[in-house]
Amino acid sequence: MTIRSSAVAMLLLSLAAGRRAPPNPRLEDPQQGLAQGPVQWLMTDDETKEYKKLHTDEERAAFAKTFWEKRDPTPERRRTSSR
């Protein structure tokens, strides 16, 4: 490798290392992006409409809890383990 190509490679590596991806809201707040992530394929049309009407983190957290409780294949285990 020549000095010029080494310098170009070092420049490109330094630029790539300094560049950060923009923050992903779904990673920072999983409830915020519930309807935009893979879960969107599990949501019914009514659930999607309901989710879009939510405004607070508390509302979204309650929705997510209910959403997953509806799909729990072993709800009896959840009731007995919470005592």
PDB file of N, CA and C in Angstrom:
ATOM      1  N   MET A   1       0.853  -1.165   0.000  1.00  0.00           N
ATOM      2  CA  MET A   1       0.000   0.000   0.000  1.00  0.00           C
ATOM      3  C   MET A   1       0.906   1.237   0.000  1.00  0.00           C
ATOM      4  N   THR A   2       0.584   2.186  -0.793  1.00  0.00           N
ATOM      5  CA  THR A   2       1.388   3.399  -0.876  1.00  0.00           C
ATOM      6  C   THR A   2       1.043   4.341   0.277  1.00  0.00           C
ATOM      7  N   ILE A   3       1.852   5.336   0.464  1.00  0.00           N
ATOM      8  CA  ILE A   3       1.613   6.304   1.537  1.00  0.00           C
ATOM      9  C   ILE A   3       0.303   7.043   1.308  1.00  0.00           C
ATOM     10  N   ARG A   4       0.031   7.386   0.058  1.00  0.00           N
ATOM     11  CA  ARG A   4      -1.203   8.109  -0.249  1.00  0.00           C
ATOM     12  C   ARG A   4      -2.436   7.252   0.070  1.00  0.00           C
ATOM     13  N   SER A   5      -2.440   6.008  -0.364  1.00  0.00           N
ATOM     14  CA  SER A   5      -3.598   5.156  -0.099  1.00  0.00           C
ATOM     15  C   SER A   5      -3.720   4.855   1.393  1.00  0.00           C
ATOM     16  N   SER A   6      -2.595   4.777   2.120  1.00  0.00           N
ATOM     17  CA  SER A   6      -2.644   4.585   3.569  1.00  0.00           C
ATOM     18  C   SER A   6      -3.270   5.795   4.244  1.00  0.00           C
ATOM     19  N   ALA A   7      -2.887   6.985   3.769  1.00  0.00           N
ATOM     20  CA  ALA A   7      -3.438   8.210   4.347  1.00  0.00           C
ATOM     21  C   ALA A   7      -4.938   8.298   4.087  1.00  0.00           C
ATOM     22  N   VAL A   8      -5.358   7.946   2.894  1.00  0.00           N
ATOM     23  CA  VAL A   8      -6.789   7.970   2.560  1.00  0.00           C
ATOM     24  C   VAL A   8      -7.541   6.959   3.428  1.00  0.00           C
ATOM     25  N   ALA A   9      -6.971   5.779   3.598  1.00  0.00           N
ATOM     26  CA  ALA A   9      -7.613   4.757   4.425  1.00  0.00           C
ATOM     27  C   ALA A   9      -7.741   5.236   5.866  1.00  0.00           C
ATOM     28  N   MET A  10      -6.714   5.853   6.406  1.00  0.00           N
ATOM     29  CA  MET A  10      -6.754   6.362   7.779  1.00  0.00           C
ATOM     30  C   MET A  10      -7.797   7.478   7.916  1.00  0.00           C
ATOM     31  N   LEU A  11      -7.873   8.336   6.915  1.00  0.00           N
ATOM     32  CA  LEU A  11      -8.860   9.411   6.937  1.00  0.00           C
ATOM     33  C   LEU A  11     -10.278   8.840   6.942  1.00  0.00           C
ATOM     34  N   LEU A  12     -10.527   7.874   6.084  1.00  0.00           N
ATOM     35  CA  LEU A  12     -11.852   7.261   6.020  1.00  0.00           C
ATOM     36  C   LEU A  12     -12.199   6.547   7.324  1.00  0.00           C
ATOM     37  N   LEU A  13     -11.243   5.852   7.905  1.00  0.00           N
ATOM     38  CA  LEU A  13     -11.484   5.170   9.176  1.00  0.00           C
ATOM     39  C   LEU A  13     -11.779   6.163  10.295  1.00  0.00           C
ATOM     40  N   SER A  14     -11.041   7.254  10.320  1.00  0.00           N
ATOM     41  CA  SER A  14     -11.284   8.241  11.371  1.00  0.00           C
ATOM     42  C   SER A  14     -12.647   8.910  11.205  1.00  0.00           C
ATOM     43  N   LEU A  15     -13.049   9.162   9.974  1.00  0.00           N
ATOM     44  CA  LEU A  15     -14.373   9.738   9.735  1.00  0.00           C
ATOM     45  C   LEU A  15     -15.476   8.761  10.128  1.00  0.00           C
ATOM     46  N   ALA A  16     -15.287   7.496   9.788  1.00  0.00           N
ATOM     47  CA  ALA A  16     -16.290   6.481  10.120  1.00  0.00           C
ATOM     48  C   ALA A  16     -16.386   6.283  11.629  1.00  0.00           C
ATOM     49  N   ALA A  17     -15.258   6.332  12.322  1.00  0.00           N
ATOM     50  CA  ALA A  17     -15.260   6.128  13.769  1.00  0.00           C
ATOM     51  C   ALA A  17     -15.929   7.290  14.491  1.00  0.00           C
ATOM     52  N   GLY A  18     -15.805   8.486  13.966  1.00  0.00           N
ATOM     53  CA  GLY A  18     -16.387   9.652  14.608  1.00  0.00           C
ATOM     54  C   GLY A  18     -17.864   9.846  14.318  1.00  0.00           C
ATOM     55  N   ARG A  19     -18.360   9.146  13.348  1.00  0.00           N
ATOM     56  CA  ARG A  19     -19.754   9.304  12.941  1.00  0.00           C
ATOM     57  C   ARG A  19     -20.631   8.393  13.776  1.00  0.00           C
ATOM     58  N   ARG A  20     -21.676   8.946  14.350  1.00  0.00           N
ATOM     59  CA  ARG A  20     -22.599   8.162  15.164  1.00  0.00           C
ATOM     60  C   ARG A  20     -23.948   8.090  14.464  1.00  0.00           C
ATOM     61  N   ALA A  21     -24.596   6.976  14.653  1.00  0.00           N
ATOM     62  CA  ALA A  21     -25.941   6.821  14.102  1.00  0.00           C
ATOM     63  C   ALA A  21     -26.899   7.687  14.911  1.00  0.00           C
ATOM     64  N   PRO A  22     -27.946   8.197  14.293  1.00  0.00           N
ATOM     65  CA  PRO A  22     -28.919   8.982  15.052  1.00  0.00           C
ATOM     66  C   PRO A  22     -29.602   8.089  16.084  1.00  0.00           C
ATOM     67  N   PRO A  23     -30.028   8.659  17.203  1.00  0.00           N
ATOM     68  CA  PRO A  23     -30.666   7.841  18.235  1.00  0.00           C
ATOM     69  C   PRO A  23     -31.934   7.186  17.712  1.00  0.00           C
ATOM     70  N   ASN A  24     -32.149   5.974  18.144  1.00  0.00           N
ATOM     71  CA  ASN A  24     -33.326   5.218  17.750  1.00  0.00           C
ATOM     72  C   ASN A  24     -34.331   5.293  18.893  1.00  0.00           C
ATOM     73  N   PRO A  25     -35.459   5.986  18.720  1.00  0.00           N
ATOM     74  CA  PRO A  25     -36.416   6.125  19.819  1.00  0.00           C
ATOM     75  C   PRO A  25     -36.946   4.789  20.304  1.00  0.00           C
ATOM     76  N   ARG A  26     -37.000   3.796  19.430  1.00  0.00           N
ATOM     77  CA  ARG A  26     -37.504   2.496  19.864  1.00  0.00           C
ATOM     78  C   ARG A  26     -36.548   1.825  20.838  1.00  0.00           C
ATOM     79  N   LEU A  27     -35.245   2.110  20.732  1.00  0.00           N
ATOM     80  CA  LEU A  27     -34.288   1.533  21.666  1.00  0.00           C
ATOM     81  C   LEU A  27     -34.265   2.308  22.970  1.00  0.00           C
ATOM     82  N   GLU A  28     -34.462   3.615  22.905  1.00  0.00           N
ATOM     83  CA  GLU A  28     -34.455   4.430  24.109  1.00  0.00           C
ATOM     84  C   GLU A  28     -35.717   4.234  24.928  1.00  0.00           C
ATOM     85  N   ASP A  29     -36.848   4.112  24.295  1.00  0.00           N
ATOM     86  CA  ASP A  29     -38.128   3.927  24.974  1.00  0.00           C
ATOM     87  C   ASP A  29     -38.926   2.883  24.203  1.00  0.00           C
ATOM     88  N   PRO A  30     -38.836   1.628  24.635  1.00  0.00           N
ATOM     89  CA  PRO A  30     -39.514   0.563  23.886  1.00  0.00           C
ATOM     90  C   PRO A  30     -41.004   0.790  23.703  1.00  0.00           C
ATOM     91  N   GLN A  31     -41.671   1.433  24.673  1.00  0.00           N
ATOM     92  CA  GLN A  31     -43.106   1.651  24.550  1.00  0.00           C
ATOM     93  C   GLN A  31     -43.420   2.695  23.491  1.00  0.00           C
ATOM     94  N   GLN A  32     -42.530   3.660  23.315  1.00  0.00           N
ATOM     95  CA  GLN A  32     -42.766   4.746  22.368  1.00  0.00           C
ATOM     96  C   GLN A  32     -42.927   4.208  20.945  1.00  0.00           C
ATOM     97  N   GLY A  33     -42.141   3.223  20.578  1.00  0.00           N
ATOM     98  CA  GLY A  33     -42.158   2.735  19.212  1.00  0.00           C
ATOM     99  C   GLY A  33     -42.833   1.396  19.039  1.00  0.00           C
ATOM    100  N   LEU A  34     -43.704   1.036  19.968  1.00  0.00           N
ATOM    101  CA  LEU A  34     -44.345  -0.277  19.919  1.00  0.00           C
ATOM    102  C   LEU A  34     -45.016  -0.521  18.573  1.00  0.00           C
ATOM    103  N   ALA A  35     -45.733   0.445  18.068  1.00  0.00           N
ATOM    104  CA  ALA A  35     -46.486   0.265  16.822  1.00  0.00           C
ATOM    105  C   ALA A  35     -45.621   0.419  15.576  1.00  0.00           C
ATOM    106  N   GLN A  36     -44.369   0.842  15.735  1.00  0.00           N
ATOM    107  CA  GLN A  36     -43.509   0.979  14.565  1.00  0.00           C
ATOM    108  C   GLN A  36     -42.540  -0.193  14.411  1.00  0.00           C
ATOM    109  N   GLY A  37     -42.353  -0.975  15.449  1.00  0.00           N
ATOM    110  CA  GLY A  37     -41.417  -2.095  15.397  1.00  0.00           C
ATOM    111  C   GLY A  37     -42.093  -3.351  14.878  1.00  0.00           C
ATOM    112  N   PRO A  38     -41.459  -4.492  15.099  1.00  0.00           N
ATOM    113  CA  PRO A  38     -42.016  -5.760  14.627  1.00  0.00           C
ATOM    114  C   PRO A  38     -43.394  -6.079  15.212  1.00  0.00           C
ATOM    115  N   VAL A  39     -43.703  -5.490  16.361  1.00  0.00           N
ATOM    116  CA  VAL A  39     -45.003  -5.739  16.997  1.00  0.00           C
ATOM    117  C   VAL A  39     -46.156  -5.277  16.121  1.00  0.00           C
ATOM    118  N   GLN A  40     -45.883  -4.328  15.236  1.00  0.00           N
ATOM    119  CA  GLN A  40     -46.957  -3.826  14.368  1.00  0.00           C
ATOM    120  C   GLN A  40     -47.619  -4.956  13.579  1.00  0.00           C
ATOM    121  N   TRP A  41     -46.910  -6.020  13.325  1.00  0.00           N
ATOM    122  CA  TRP A  41     -47.470  -7.129  12.552  1.00  0.00           C
ATOM    123  C   TRP A  41     -48.384  -7.996  13.411  1.00  0.00           C
ATOM    124  N   LEU A  42     -48.309  -7.837  14.731  1.00  0.00           N
ATOM    125  CA  LEU A  42     -49.183  -8.587  15.634  1.00  0.00           C
ATOM    126  C   LEU A  42     -50.428  -7.801  16.009  1.00  0.00           C
ATOM    127  N   MET A  43     -50.361  -6.492  15.836  1.00  0.00           N
ATOM    128  CA  MET A  43     -51.469  -5.638  16.258  1.00  0.00           C
ATOM    129  C   MET A  43     -52.636  -5.698  15.273  1.00  0.00           C
ATOM    130  N   THR A  44     -53.831  -5.697  15.843  1.00  0.00           N
ATOM    131  CA  THR A  44     -55.023  -5.608  14.993  1.00  0.00           C
ATOM    132  C   THR A  44     -55.180  -4.158  14.543  1.00  0.00           C
ATOM    133  N   ASP A  45     -56.043  -3.939  13.576  1.00  0.00           N
ATOM    134  CA  ASP A  45     -56.301  -2.575  13.110  1.00  0.00           C
ATOM    135  C   ASP A  45     -56.842  -1.710  14.242  1.00  0.00           C
ATOM    136  N   ASP A  46     -57.735  -2.292  15.053  1.00  0.00           N
ATOM    137  CA  ASP A  46     -58.308  -1.541  16.171  1.00  0.00           C
ATOM    138  C   ASP A  46     -57.235  -1.178  17.198  1.00  0.00           C
ATOM    139  N   GLU A  47     -56.321  -2.110  17.480  1.00  0.00           N
ATOM    140  CA  GLU A  47     -55.242  -1.835  18.426  1.00  0.00           C
ATOM    141  C   GLU A  47     -54.309  -0.744  17.897  1.00  0.00           C
ATOM    142  N   THR A  48     -54.035  -0.768  16.614  1.00  0.00           N
ATOM    143  CA  THR A  48     -53.181   0.255  16.019  1.00  0.00           C
ATOM    144  C   THR A  48     -53.832   1.626  16.143  1.00  0.00           C
ATOM    145  N   LYS A  49     -55.131   1.706  15.853  1.00  0.00           N
ATOM    146  CA  LYS A  49     -55.849   2.976  15.974  1.00  0.00           C
ATOM    147  C   LYS A  49     -55.847   3.464  17.427  1.00  0.00           C
ATOM    148  N   GLU A  50     -56.086   2.528  18.346  1.00  0.00           N
ATOM    149  CA  GLU A  50     -56.103   2.875  19.770  1.00  0.00           C
ATOM    150  C   GLU A  50     -54.728   3.373  20.219  1.00  0.00           C
ATOM    151  N   TYR A  51     -53.677   2.693  19.794  1.00  0.00           N
ATOM    152  CA  TYR A  51     -52.319   3.073  20.190  1.00  0.00           C
ATOM    153  C   TYR A  51     -51.950   4.463  19.687  1.00  0.00           C
ATOM    154  N   LYS A  52     -52.373   4.789  18.487  1.00  0.00           N
ATOM    155  CA  LYS A  52     -52.052   6.102  17.911  1.00  0.00           C
ATOM    156  C   LYS A  52     -52.723   7.251  18.658  1.00  0.00           C
ATOM    157  N   LYS A  53     -53.763   6.956  19.422  1.00  0.00           N
ATOM    158  CA  LYS A  53     -54.459   7.987  20.187  1.00  0.00           C
ATOM    159  C   LYS A  53     -53.800   8.262  21.539  1.00  0.00           C
ATOM    160  N   LEU A  54     -52.840   7.432  21.945  1.00  0.00           N
ATOM    161  CA  LEU A  54     -52.206   7.584  23.256  1.00  0.00           C
ATOM    162  C   LEU A  54     -51.204   8.730  23.242  1.00  0.00           C
ATOM    163  N   HIS A  55     -51.099   9.442  24.370  1.00  0.00           N
ATOM    164  CA  HIS A  55     -50.228  10.614  24.427  1.00  0.00           C
ATOM    165  C   HIS A  55     -49.140  10.509  25.491  1.00  0.00           C
ATOM    166  N   THR A  56     -49.385   9.797  26.582  1.00  0.00           N
ATOM    167  CA  THR A  56     -48.411   9.768  27.674  1.00  0.00           C
ATOM    168  C   THR A  56     -47.713   8.413  27.746  1.00  0.00           C
ATOM    169  N   ASP A  57     -46.570   8.426  28.412  1.00  0.00           N
ATOM    170  CA  ASP A  57     -45.825   7.177  28.618  1.00  0.00           C
ATOM    171  C   ASP A  57     -46.644   6.190  29.449  1.00  0.00           C
ATOM    172  N   GLU A  58     -47.412   6.710  30.408  1.00  0.00           N
ATOM    173  CA  GLU A  58     -48.236   5.839  31.256  1.00  0.00           C
ATOM    174  C   GLU A  58     -49.309   5.136  30.430  1.00  0.00           C
ATOM    175  N   GLU A  59     -49.923   5.879  29.517  1.00  0.00           N
ATOM    176  CA  GLU A  59     -50.947   5.282  28.644  1.00  0.00           C
ATOM    177  C   GLU A  59     -50.329   4.206  27.751  1.00  0.00           C
ATOM    178  N   ARG A  60     -49.155   4.499  27.199  1.00  0.00           N
ATOM    179  CA  ARG A  60     -48.494   3.527  26.332  1.00  0.00           C
ATOM    180  C   ARG A  60     -48.050   2.284  27.118  1.00  0.00           C
ATOM    181  N   ALA A  61     -47.575   2.487  28.337  1.00  0.00           N
ATOM    182  CA  ALA A  61     -47.155   1.352  29.171  1.00  0.00           C
ATOM    183  C   ALA A  61     -48.356   0.471  29.524  1.00  0.00           C
ATOM    184  N   ALA A  62     -49.483   1.094  29.859  1.00  0.00           N
ATOM    185  CA  ALA A  62     -50.696   0.333  30.176  1.00  0.00           C
ATOM    186  C   ALA A  62     -51.182  -0.434  28.946  1.00  0.00           C
ATOM    187  N   PHE A  63     -51.113   0.213  27.788  1.00  0.00           N
ATOM    188  CA  PHE A  63     -51.514  -0.452  26.543  1.00  0.00           C
ATOM    189  C   PHE A  63     -50.632  -1.668  26.286  1.00  0.00           C
ATOM    190  N   ALA A  64     -49.313  -1.493  26.426  1.00  0.00           N
ATOM    191  CA  ALA A  64     -48.377  -2.602  26.171  1.00  0.00           C
ATOM    192  C   ALA A  64     -48.634  -3.750  27.130  1.00  0.00           C
ATOM    193  N   LYS A  65     -48.888  -3.444  28.397  1.00  0.00           N
ATOM    194  CA  LYS A  65     -49.152  -4.490  29.390  1.00  0.00           C
ATOM    195  C   LYS A  65     -50.395  -5.284  28.995  1.00  0.00           C
ATOM    196  N   THR A  66     -51.461  -4.583  28.670  1.00  0.00           N
ATOM    197  CA  THR A  66     -52.705  -5.243  28.261  1.00  0.00           C
ATOM    198  C   THR A  66     -52.516  -6.004  26.952  1.00  0.00           C
ATOM    199  N   PHE A  67     -51.792  -5.401  26.018  1.00  0.00           N
ATOM    200  CA  PHE A  67     -51.535  -6.024  24.714  1.00  0.00           C
ATOM    201  C   PHE A  67     -50.883  -7.394  24.899  1.00  0.00           C
ATOM    202  N   TRP A  68     -49.829  -7.460  25.725  1.00  0.00           N
ATOM    203  CA  TRP A  68     -49.121  -8.722  25.917  1.00  0.00           C
ATOM    204  C   TRP A  68     -49.890  -9.682  26.811  1.00  0.00           C
ATOM    205  N   GLU A  69     -50.673  -9.169  27.759  1.00  0.00           N
ATOM    206  CA  GLU A  69     -51.489 -10.059  28.592  1.00  0.00           C
ATOM    207  C   GLU A  69     -52.526 -10.798  27.749  1.00  0.00           C
ATOM    208  N   LYS A  70     -53.097 -10.124  26.748  1.00  0.00           N
ATOM    209  CA  LYS A  70     -54.068 -10.779  25.855  1.00  0.00           C
ATOM    210  C   LYS A  70     -53.441 -11.945  25.102  1.00  0.00           C
ATOM    211  N   ARG A  71     -52.146 -11.865  24.862  1.00  0.00           N
ATOM    212  CA  ARG A  71     -51.457 -12.882  24.060  1.00  0.00           C
ATOM    213  C   ARG A  71     -50.690 -13.891  24.906  1.00  0.00           C
ATOM    214  N   ASP A  72     -50.829 -13.814  26.216  1.00  0.00           N
ATOM    215  CA  ASP A  72     -50.120 -14.714  27.122  1.00  0.00           C
ATOM    216  C   ASP A  72     -50.709 -16.126  27.005  1.00  0.00           C
ATOM    217  N   PRO A  73     -49.898 -17.103  26.581  1.00  0.00           N
ATOM    218  CA  PRO A  73     -50.426 -18.456  26.423  1.00  0.00           C
ATOM    219  C   PRO A  73     -50.671 -19.166  27.757  1.00  0.00           C
ATOM    220  N   THR A  74     -50.113 -18.637  28.848  1.00  0.00           N
ATOM    221  CA  THR A  74     -50.290 -19.270  30.163  1.00  0.00           C
ATOM    222  C   THR A  74     -50.706 -18.233  31.199  1.00  0.00           C
ATOM    223  N   PRO A  75     -51.891 -17.656  31.065  1.00  0.00           N
ATOM    224  CA  PRO A  75     -52.302 -16.610  32.012  1.00  0.00           C
ATOM    225  C   PRO A  75     -52.455 -17.133  33.435  1.00  0.00           C
ATOM    226  N   GLU A  76     -52.776 -18.411  33.605  1.00  0.00           N
ATOM    227  CA  GLU A  76     -52.929 -18.960  34.954  1.00  0.00           C
ATOM    228  C   GLU A  76     -51.605 -18.942  35.723  1.00  0.00           C
ATOM    229  N   ARG A  77     -50.505 -19.093  35.051  1.00  0.00           N
ATOM    230  CA  ARG A  77     -49.198 -19.055  35.705  1.00  0.00           C
ATOM    231  C   ARG A  77     -48.900 -17.639  36.200  1.00  0.00           C
ATOM    232  N   ARG A  78     -49.295 -16.630  35.449  1.00  0.00           N
ATOM    233  CA  ARG A  78     -49.074 -15.254  35.845  1.00  0.00           C
ATOM    234  C   ARG A  78     -49.849 -14.940  37.119  1.00  0.00           C
ATOM    235  N   ARG A  79     -51.084 -15.425  37.207  1.00  0.00           N
ATOM    236  CA  ARG A  79     -51.905 -15.153  38.396  1.00  0.00           C
ATOM    237  C   ARG A  79     -51.336 -15.818  39.634  1.00  0.00           C
ATOM    238  N   THR A  80     -50.844 -17.042  39.528  1.00  0.00           N
ATOM    239  CA  THR A  80     -50.344 -17.744  40.706  1.00  0.00           C
ATOM    240  C   THR A  80     -48.974 -17.248  41.133  1.00  0.00           C
ATOM    241  N   SER A  81     -48.152 -16.777  40.196  1.00  0.00           N
ATOM    242  CA  SER A  81     -46.812 -16.328  40.550  1.00  0.00           C
ATOM    243  C   SER A  81     -46.804 -14.922  41.137  1.00  0.00           C
ATOM    244  N   SER A  82     -47.879 -14.146  40.975  1.00  0.00           N
ATOM    245  CA  SER A  82     -47.894 -12.782  41.480  1.00  0.00           C
ATOM    246  C   SER A  82     -48.364 -12.709  42.932  1.00  0.00           C
ATOM    247  N   ARG A  83     -48.714 -13.838  43.516  1.00  0.00           N
ATOM    248  CA  ARG A  83     -49.181 -13.837  44.913  1.00  0.00           C
ATOM    249  C   ARG A  83     -48.040 -13.859  45.869  1.00  0.00           C
TER     250      ARG A  83
END
